[in-house]
Amino acid sequence: MCYSFKIFNSATELPINWNIVIGQQNIMLSEEYFRVVEESKPINMKYCFVGFFSDENLIGGALYQYLSFIEHKNFQKGEVLCSIRNFLTRQLSKDVMILGNNMLTGQNGFYFDTSKISTETAITLLNEASQNVQAILGKTSLIIYKDYQKPFLKNFEDEKFKSFYRFSVQPNMILNIKTEWKCFEDYSNNLSKKYRARLKSAKKKIDGIQKMELDILSIKKYKNEMNILYQNVAENAPFNTFFLTEDHFESMKQNLNDNFKVFGYFINDKLIGFYTLILNNNDIDTYFLGYDKEIQKEKQIYLNMLFDMTEFGITNQFKRIVFGRTALEIKSTIGAEPVEIFGLIRHNSKAINPFMEKIFTSLNPKVEWIQRKPFK
């Protein structure tokens, strides 16, 4: 077999059968999603798309992301310790190339047809492509391969990956939807007495708030309000490396259509919160959200959003809801369970790279949390 790869700078350059081979397997690697990242990517972010071929036949694809931290306003807000981390992060990693997608949790970096190529050969090709992508995007301070579950790590035991530090940060919170849950009431009845009472209490607090799905016209109408509510949450996140552009949700809806959902929460026709979902075959990936912080405290909007996401997944018979790696404890209260995920990181400075473990652990302290068990 003769394997090769080709780097594409635009979704318009992709092979005509890209979606048949790759995009249908993971919507985050589809031509439609790639159009979104071209149209409305954060200002400190660039992309490359890579196609892999066996002879002339497309057998795989990958997404490489370039992040400039010099252009990013902040990583963390508020405390002196956060300011120190911001300074150190900028000094040590002015930019980073990621095999994967820093806007999502999970392995959304590549797909190969494993009937046409072995995983071992695919990983070798990805490594070769990484070096070529850096020639296009510019050599970066850091290279990161992200979010792999533990069994997959055996594919990175080759000598060429010895220089990478393997790391694990917060787990991915995933709710596996039980086959016996035919409706939200089945889910509710499966909760223990304590957590069923908590569900009822949260639902009471949101009385008087209207909830509705937003179509493309509504997203355009409420674009400014959505951006303000999103910034309320994003700017106070424990750690962030980018901010979405104001037209991002509009672009997502235009390109992904029914596979992208936006739900708004209103008081007297005023938008006070929203959440978004990406429908990806049997999975739902929770995406970005926003809310009015004062109303959130009073009405438990975030908790209600988690319940509403769960109800959507059950009603529409999805198999999993991928909740991501933030707000771990509250997500565990609705039944999501932690799945440990790992990445590989390497600094391109031979003087700094041997100290990556110490540097990484000092800049990413472990988050202590208690996993709740809400089911009977």
Protein backbone atom coordinates (compact mmCIF):
# COMPACT_ATOMS: atom_id res chain seq x y z
CA MET A 1 0.00 0.00 0.00
CA CYS A 2 1.16 3.54 -0.77
CA TYR A 3 -0.07 6.03 1.84
CA SER A 4 0.04 9.79 1.46
CA PHE A 5 -1.59 12.92 2.84
CA LYS A 6 -2.60 16.33 1.56
CA ILE A 7 -3.09 19.55 3.54
CA PHE A 8 -6.12 21.72 2.76
CA ASN A 9 -6.41 25.35 3.87
CA SER A 10 -10.13 25.65 3.11
CA ALA A 11 -13.22 23.45 3.23
CA THR A 12 -13.78 24.32 -0.44
CA GLU A 13 -10.63 22.32 -1.30
CA LEU A 14 -11.76 19.06 0.34
CA PRO A 15 -12.27 15.92 -1.83
CA ILE A 16 -15.82 15.49 -3.07
CA ASN A 17 -16.33 12.31 -1.00
CA TRP A 18 -15.00 13.82 2.27
CA ASN A 19 -18.33 13.62 4.09
CA ILE A 20 -19.07 10.07 2.90
CA VAL A 21 -15.74 8.76 4.23
CA ILE A 22 -15.21 11.05 7.26
CA GLY A 23 -17.91 13.64 7.95
CA GLN A 24 -20.73 11.12 8.38
CA GLN A 25 -18.72 9.38 11.12
CA ASN A 26 -18.18 12.56 13.17
CA ILE A 27 -19.95 15.82 12.42
CA MET A 28 -17.04 17.72 14.02
CA LEU A 29 -14.91 16.51 11.09
CA SER A 30 -17.52 17.29 8.43
CA GLU A 31 -17.27 19.78 5.59
CA GLU A 32 -20.17 21.72 7.14
CA TYR A 33 -18.40 22.11 10.48
CA PHE A 34 -15.15 23.08 8.75
CA ARG A 35 -17.05 25.89 7.02
CA VAL A 36 -18.05 27.16 10.47
CA VAL A 37 -14.46 27.27 11.70
CA GLU A 38 -13.49 29.19 8.58
CA GLU A 39 -16.33 31.70 8.85
CA SER A 40 -16.38 32.40 12.57
CA LYS A 41 -13.24 31.13 14.26
CA PRO A 42 -11.89 32.99 17.32
CA ILE A 43 -9.45 35.74 16.39
CA ASN A 44 -6.45 33.88 17.88
CA MET A 45 -7.17 30.62 16.04
CA LYS A 46 -6.21 29.12 12.65
CA TYR A 47 -6.93 25.70 11.12
CA CYS A 48 -5.60 23.15 8.65
CA PHE A 49 -7.52 20.14 7.33
CA VAL A 50 -5.59 17.03 6.28
CA GLY A 51 -6.78 14.20 4.03
CA PHE A 52 -5.08 10.79 4.10
CA PHE A 53 -5.00 8.53 1.07
CA SER A 54 -4.26 4.92 0.17
CA ASP A 55 -3.08 5.24 -3.40
CA GLU A 56 -5.71 7.69 -4.69
CA ASN A 57 -8.48 6.70 -2.27
CA LEU A 58 -9.45 8.88 0.70
CA ILE A 59 -9.24 6.79 3.90
CA GLY A 60 -8.99 9.38 6.69
CA GLY A 61 -9.02 12.99 7.74
CA ALA A 62 -7.74 15.21 10.53
CA LEU A 63 -8.19 18.66 12.00
CA TYR A 64 -5.16 20.67 13.15
CA GLN A 65 -5.70 23.82 15.16
CA TYR A 66 -3.25 26.66 15.78
CA LEU A 67 -3.77 28.94 18.80
CA SER A 68 -1.88 32.17 19.39
CA PHE A 69 -1.83 33.11 23.06
CA ILE A 70 -0.19 36.47 22.42
CA GLU A 71 -3.46 37.69 20.88
CA HIS A 72 -5.64 36.21 23.64
CA LYS A 73 -6.81 38.61 26.34
CA ASN A 74 -6.65 36.30 29.34
CA PHE A 75 -6.61 32.70 30.50
CA GLN A 76 -7.93 33.24 34.01
CA LYS A 77 -9.42 36.24 35.78
CA GLY A 78 -9.32 37.86 39.14
CA GLU A 79 -6.73 36.48 41.51
CA VAL A 80 -3.01 37.29 41.72
CA LEU A 81 -2.26 33.57 41.24
CA CYS A 82 -4.25 33.65 37.99
CA SER A 83 -2.20 36.64 36.78
CA ILE A 84 1.01 34.74 37.48
CA ARG A 85 -0.31 31.72 35.54
CA ASN A 86 -1.27 34.00 32.65
CA PHE A 87 2.25 35.44 32.56
CA LEU A 88 3.97 32.04 32.76
CA THR A 89 1.69 30.52 30.14
CA ARG A 90 2.45 33.33 27.70
CA GLN A 91 6.20 33.07 28.31
CA LEU A 92 6.30 29.29 27.92
CA SER A 93 3.72 28.85 25.18
CA LYS A 94 3.24 31.82 22.89
CA ASP A 95 1.40 29.53 20.51
CA VAL A 96 0.31 25.91 20.27
CA MET A 97 -0.60 23.44 17.54
CA ILE A 98 -3.31 20.96 18.49
CA LEU A 99 -4.25 17.75 16.76
CA GLY A 100 -7.89 18.01 17.70
CA ASN A 101 -10.36 20.71 18.64
CA ASN A 102 -9.85 22.88 21.70
CA MET A 103 -13.46 24.07 21.44
CA LEU A 104 -14.80 20.60 22.26
CA THR A 105 -14.11 17.77 24.69
CA GLY A 106 -13.24 14.36 23.28
CA GLN A 107 -11.37 12.81 20.37
CA ASN A 108 -12.54 15.07 17.55
CA GLY A 109 -9.14 15.37 15.87
CA PHE A 110 -9.18 12.59 13.29
CA TYR A 111 -10.99 9.64 11.75
CA PHE A 112 -9.60 6.74 9.72
CA ASP A 113 -11.36 3.86 8.00
CA THR A 114 -9.64 1.09 9.98
CA SER A 115 -10.65 -1.49 7.37
CA LYS A 116 -8.24 0.31 5.00
CA ILE A 117 -5.38 1.17 7.37
CA SER A 118 -4.06 -0.02 10.74
CA THR A 119 -4.24 2.33 13.71
CA GLU A 120 -0.45 2.08 14.10
CA THR A 121 0.11 3.27 10.52
CA ALA A 122 -2.52 5.99 10.92
CA ILE A 123 -0.75 7.39 14.01
CA THR A 124 2.55 7.44 12.10
CA LEU A 125 0.89 9.40 9.28
CA LEU A 126 -0.64 11.85 11.77
CA ASN A 127 2.80 12.48 13.24
CA GLU A 128 4.27 13.13 9.78
CA ALA A 129 1.38 15.45 8.95
CA SER A 130 1.98 17.38 12.21
CA GLN A 131 5.46 18.33 11.04
CA ASN A 132 4.17 19.47 7.65
CA VAL A 133 1.32 21.48 9.17
CA GLN A 134 3.85 23.35 11.33
CA ALA A 135 5.69 24.29 8.16
CA ILE A 136 2.46 25.96 6.96
CA LEU A 137 1.06 27.46 10.17
CA GLY A 138 4.47 28.25 11.63
CA LYS A 139 6.55 26.34 14.18
CA THR A 140 4.81 26.57 17.54
CA SER A 141 6.01 26.51 21.15
CA LEU A 142 3.84 23.52 21.99
CA ILE A 143 2.36 20.51 20.20
CA ILE A 144 -0.67 18.85 21.80
CA TYR A 145 -2.51 15.68 20.82
CA LYS A 146 -5.82 15.70 22.70
CA ASP A 147 -8.39 13.82 24.22
CA TYR A 148 -7.84 10.06 24.22
CA GLN A 149 -9.27 7.43 26.53
CA LYS A 150 -6.73 5.25 28.31
CA PRO A 151 -6.89 2.14 26.05
CA PHE A 152 -5.95 4.29 23.03
CA LEU A 153 -2.69 5.51 24.64
CA LYS A 154 -0.93 2.26 23.71
CA ASN A 155 -0.79 3.63 20.15
CA PHE A 156 1.67 6.30 21.31
CA GLU A 157 4.31 3.99 22.81
CA ASP A 158 6.59 4.20 19.78
CA GLU A 159 10.03 5.82 20.14
CA LYS A 160 8.95 8.94 18.20
CA PHE A 161 6.53 9.84 21.03
CA LYS A 162 9.03 9.41 23.89
CA SER A 163 9.60 13.17 23.98
CA PHE A 164 5.90 13.84 24.71
CA TYR A 165 4.61 14.21 28.28
CA ARG A 166 1.35 12.35 28.85
CA PHE A 167 -1.12 14.36 30.88
CA SER A 168 -4.62 14.07 32.25
CA VAL A 169 -6.77 17.01 33.33
CA GLN A 170 -10.43 17.05 34.31
CA PRO A 171 -12.46 14.06 33.06
CA ASN A 172 -15.12 14.18 30.38
CA MET A 173 -18.57 13.97 32.02
CA ILE A 174 -20.84 11.62 30.05
CA LEU A 175 -24.42 10.54 30.70
CA ASN A 176 -25.23 7.14 29.19
CA ILE A 177 -28.95 7.12 28.47
CA LYS A 178 -30.49 3.88 29.70
CA THR A 179 -32.62 1.94 27.24
CA GLU A 180 -35.47 1.76 29.75
CA TRP A 181 -35.77 5.56 29.83
CA LYS A 182 -38.48 6.11 27.25
CA CYS A 183 -39.41 9.54 28.60
CA PHE A 184 -38.13 12.06 31.16
CA GLU A 185 -40.49 10.68 33.79
CA ASP A 186 -38.68 7.32 33.59
CA TYR A 187 -35.42 9.15 34.30
CA SER A 188 -37.00 11.05 37.18
CA ASN A 189 -38.37 7.84 38.70
CA ASN A 190 -34.88 6.33 38.51
CA LEU A 191 -33.49 9.06 40.77
CA SER A 192 -33.17 8.49 44.49
CA LYS A 193 -35.62 10.34 46.74
CA LYS A 194 -33.11 13.10 47.53
CA TYR A 195 -32.29 13.87 43.91
CA ARG A 196 -35.88 13.57 42.70
CA ALA A 197 -36.83 16.21 45.31
CA ARG A 198 -33.95 18.36 44.01
CA LEU A 199 -35.26 18.02 40.45
CA LYS A 200 -38.77 19.08 41.52
CA SER A 201 -37.38 22.04 43.47
CA ALA A 202 -35.34 23.23 40.49
CA LYS A 203 -38.35 22.96 38.16
CA LYS A 204 -40.47 25.03 40.57
CA LYS A 205 -37.88 27.80 40.68
CA ILE A 206 -38.01 28.23 36.92
CA ASP A 207 -41.81 28.71 36.88
CA GLY A 208 -42.69 31.77 34.82
CA ILE A 209 -39.65 31.47 32.55
CA GLN A 210 -40.49 30.63 28.94
CA LYS A 211 -38.30 28.14 27.07
CA MET A 212 -38.19 27.85 23.29
CA GLU A 213 -35.96 26.56 20.51
CA LEU A 214 -34.43 29.35 18.42
CA ASP A 215 -34.40 29.13 14.64
CA ILE A 216 -31.91 30.97 12.45
CA LEU A 217 -34.00 34.15 12.39
CA SER A 218 -34.29 34.18 16.19
CA ILE A 219 -30.54 33.57 16.56
CA LYS A 220 -29.90 36.60 14.33
CA LYS A 221 -32.44 38.65 16.32
CA TYR A 222 -30.91 37.82 19.70
CA LYS A 223 -27.26 37.68 18.56
CA ASN A 224 -26.10 40.60 20.70
CA GLU A 225 -27.89 39.35 23.82
CA MET A 226 -26.50 35.83 23.30
CA ASN A 227 -22.97 37.20 23.05
CA ILE A 228 -23.33 39.16 26.29
CA LEU A 229 -24.74 36.13 28.14
CA TYR A 230 -21.99 33.89 26.72
CA GLN A 231 -19.29 36.37 27.80
CA ASN A 232 -20.81 36.41 31.32
CA VAL A 233 -19.93 32.74 31.60
CA ALA A 234 -16.77 32.56 29.45
CA GLU A 235 -14.95 35.43 31.14
CA ASN A 236 -15.42 33.83 34.54
CA ALA A 237 -14.43 30.31 33.52
CA PRO A 238 -11.54 28.77 35.50
CA PHE A 239 -9.44 28.63 32.32
CA ASN A 240 -9.99 29.57 28.70
CA THR A 241 -7.84 29.97 25.63
CA PHE A 242 -10.21 31.77 23.23
CA PHE A 243 -13.48 33.69 22.95
CA LEU A 244 -16.15 32.98 20.34
CA THR A 245 -16.95 35.61 17.73
CA GLU A 246 -20.34 37.29 17.88
CA ASP A 247 -21.62 35.52 14.75
CA HIS A 248 -20.45 32.03 15.78
CA PHE A 249 -23.85 30.58 16.76
CA GLU A 250 -25.44 31.99 13.61
CA SER A 251 -22.75 30.33 11.49
CA MET A 252 -23.21 27.03 13.35
CA LYS A 253 -26.95 27.04 12.65
CA GLN A 254 -26.56 28.04 9.01
CA ASN A 255 -24.07 25.25 8.33
CA LEU A 256 -25.18 22.40 10.61
CA ASN A 257 -28.94 23.09 10.33
CA ASP A 258 -30.94 20.55 12.39
CA ASN A 259 -27.75 19.07 13.86
CA PHE A 260 -27.24 22.28 15.84
CA LYS A 261 -29.82 23.24 18.44
CA VAL A 262 -30.21 26.50 20.36
CA PHE A 263 -32.67 26.81 23.25
CA GLY A 264 -33.47 30.16 24.87
CA TYR A 265 -34.91 31.09 28.28
CA PHE A 266 -37.04 34.25 28.46
CA ILE A 267 -38.65 36.49 31.07
CA ASN A 268 -41.19 38.87 29.49
CA ASP A 269 -39.63 38.38 26.05
CA LYS A 270 -36.14 39.19 27.39
CA LEU A 271 -33.50 36.53 26.77
CA ILE A 272 -31.90 35.65 30.11
CA GLY A 273 -30.16 32.39 29.18
CA PHE A 274 -29.48 29.90 26.39
CA TYR A 275 -27.70 26.64 25.71
CA THR A 276 -26.58 24.89 22.53
CA LEU A 277 -26.25 21.25 21.45
CA ILE A 278 -24.50 19.47 18.58
CA LEU A 279 -26.25 16.30 17.43
CA ASN A 280 -23.56 13.84 16.37
CA ASN A 281 -25.05 10.50 15.25
CA ASN A 282 -25.96 8.69 18.52
CA ASP A 283 -24.33 11.33 20.72
CA ILE A 284 -25.26 14.80 21.86
CA ASP A 285 -22.33 17.10 22.52
CA THR A 286 -23.24 19.96 24.81
CA TYR A 287 -21.75 23.15 23.42
CA PHE A 288 -21.53 26.74 24.68
CA LEU A 289 -24.14 28.46 26.84
CA GLY A 290 -24.79 31.74 28.60
CA TYR A 291 -26.98 33.20 31.31
CA ASP A 292 -27.70 36.24 33.45
CA LYS A 293 -25.66 35.59 36.58
CA GLU A 294 -28.11 37.18 39.03
CA ILE A 295 -31.16 35.37 37.67
CA GLN A 296 -29.15 32.13 37.52
CA LYS A 297 -28.57 32.28 41.29
CA GLU A 298 -32.24 32.83 42.03
CA LYS A 299 -33.76 30.47 39.47
CA GLN A 300 -31.10 27.72 39.22
CA ILE A 301 -31.01 28.23 35.46
CA TYR A 302 -27.83 26.20 34.92
CA LEU A 303 -29.18 23.16 36.77
CA ASN A 304 -32.42 23.42 34.81
CA MET A 305 -30.42 23.58 31.58
CA LEU A 306 -28.72 20.30 32.51
CA PHE A 307 -32.10 18.69 33.16
CA ASP A 308 -33.48 20.08 29.89
CA MET A 309 -30.49 18.74 27.94
CA THR A 310 -31.07 15.35 29.56
CA GLU A 311 -34.78 15.44 28.67
CA PHE A 312 -33.95 16.29 25.05
CA GLY A 313 -31.55 13.36 24.84
CA ILE A 314 -34.04 10.89 26.30
CA THR A 315 -37.04 12.13 24.28
CA ASN A 316 -35.08 11.95 21.02
CA GLN A 317 -33.56 8.53 21.85
CA PHE A 318 -29.87 9.42 21.79
CA LYS A 319 -27.43 7.04 23.48
CA ARG A 320 -25.08 9.46 25.22
CA ILE A 321 -24.83 13.09 26.26
CA VAL A 322 -21.26 14.39 26.32
CA PHE A 323 -21.26 17.15 28.95
CA GLY A 324 -17.54 18.03 28.78
CA ARG A 325 -14.94 18.68 31.44
CA THR A 326 -16.28 21.66 33.41
CA ALA A 327 -18.60 21.90 36.45
CA LEU A 328 -17.91 18.26 37.26
CA GLU A 329 -19.81 17.92 40.52
CA ILE A 330 -23.10 19.47 39.45
CA LYS A 331 -23.05 17.37 36.26
CA SER A 332 -22.60 14.26 38.37
CA THR A 333 -25.76 15.21 40.31
CA ILE A 334 -27.85 14.67 37.16
CA GLY A 335 -26.19 11.31 36.45
CA ALA A 336 -23.18 12.12 34.28
CA GLU A 337 -20.13 10.01 35.10
CA PRO A 338 -16.44 10.88 34.69
CA VAL A 339 -14.45 9.31 31.86
CA GLU A 340 -10.72 9.91 32.21
CA ILE A 341 -9.10 11.38 29.12
CA PHE A 342 -5.46 11.96 28.29
CA GLY A 343 -3.33 14.03 26.00
CA LEU A 344 0.26 14.30 24.87
CA ILE A 345 2.24 17.53 25.00
CA ARG A 346 5.71 18.53 23.86
CA HIS A 347 7.58 21.83 23.97
CA ASN A 348 9.65 22.54 20.87
CA SER A 349 12.47 23.95 23.01
CA LYS A 350 14.87 21.14 23.92
CA ALA A 351 15.87 23.15 26.99
CA ILE A 352 12.28 23.43 28.29
CA ASN A 353 10.77 20.10 27.20
CA PRO A 354 12.48 17.91 29.87
CA PHE A 355 10.69 19.99 32.52
CA MET A 356 7.21 19.77 30.93
CA GLU A 357 5.82 17.53 33.69
CA LYS A 358 6.75 19.99 36.44
CA ILE A 359 5.63 23.01 34.41
CA PHE A 360 2.34 21.42 33.38
CA THR A 361 1.37 20.26 36.88
CA SER A 362 2.23 23.65 38.39
CA LEU A 363 0.08 25.50 35.84
CA ASN A 364 -2.80 22.98 36.03
CA PRO A 365 -3.52 22.15 39.67
CA LYS A 366 -5.84 19.20 40.27
CA VAL A 367 -9.48 20.14 40.81
CA GLU A 368 -10.95 18.49 43.88
CA TRP A 369 -14.59 17.49 43.58
CA ILE A 370 -17.06 14.94 44.92
CA GLN A 371 -18.80 12.60 42.50
CA ARG A 372 -22.51 12.34 43.34
CA LYS A 373 -24.58 9.22 42.76
CA PRO A 374 -28.16 10.33 42.02
CA PHE A 375 -29.74 7.05 40.96
CA LYS A 376 -31.39 4.45 43.16
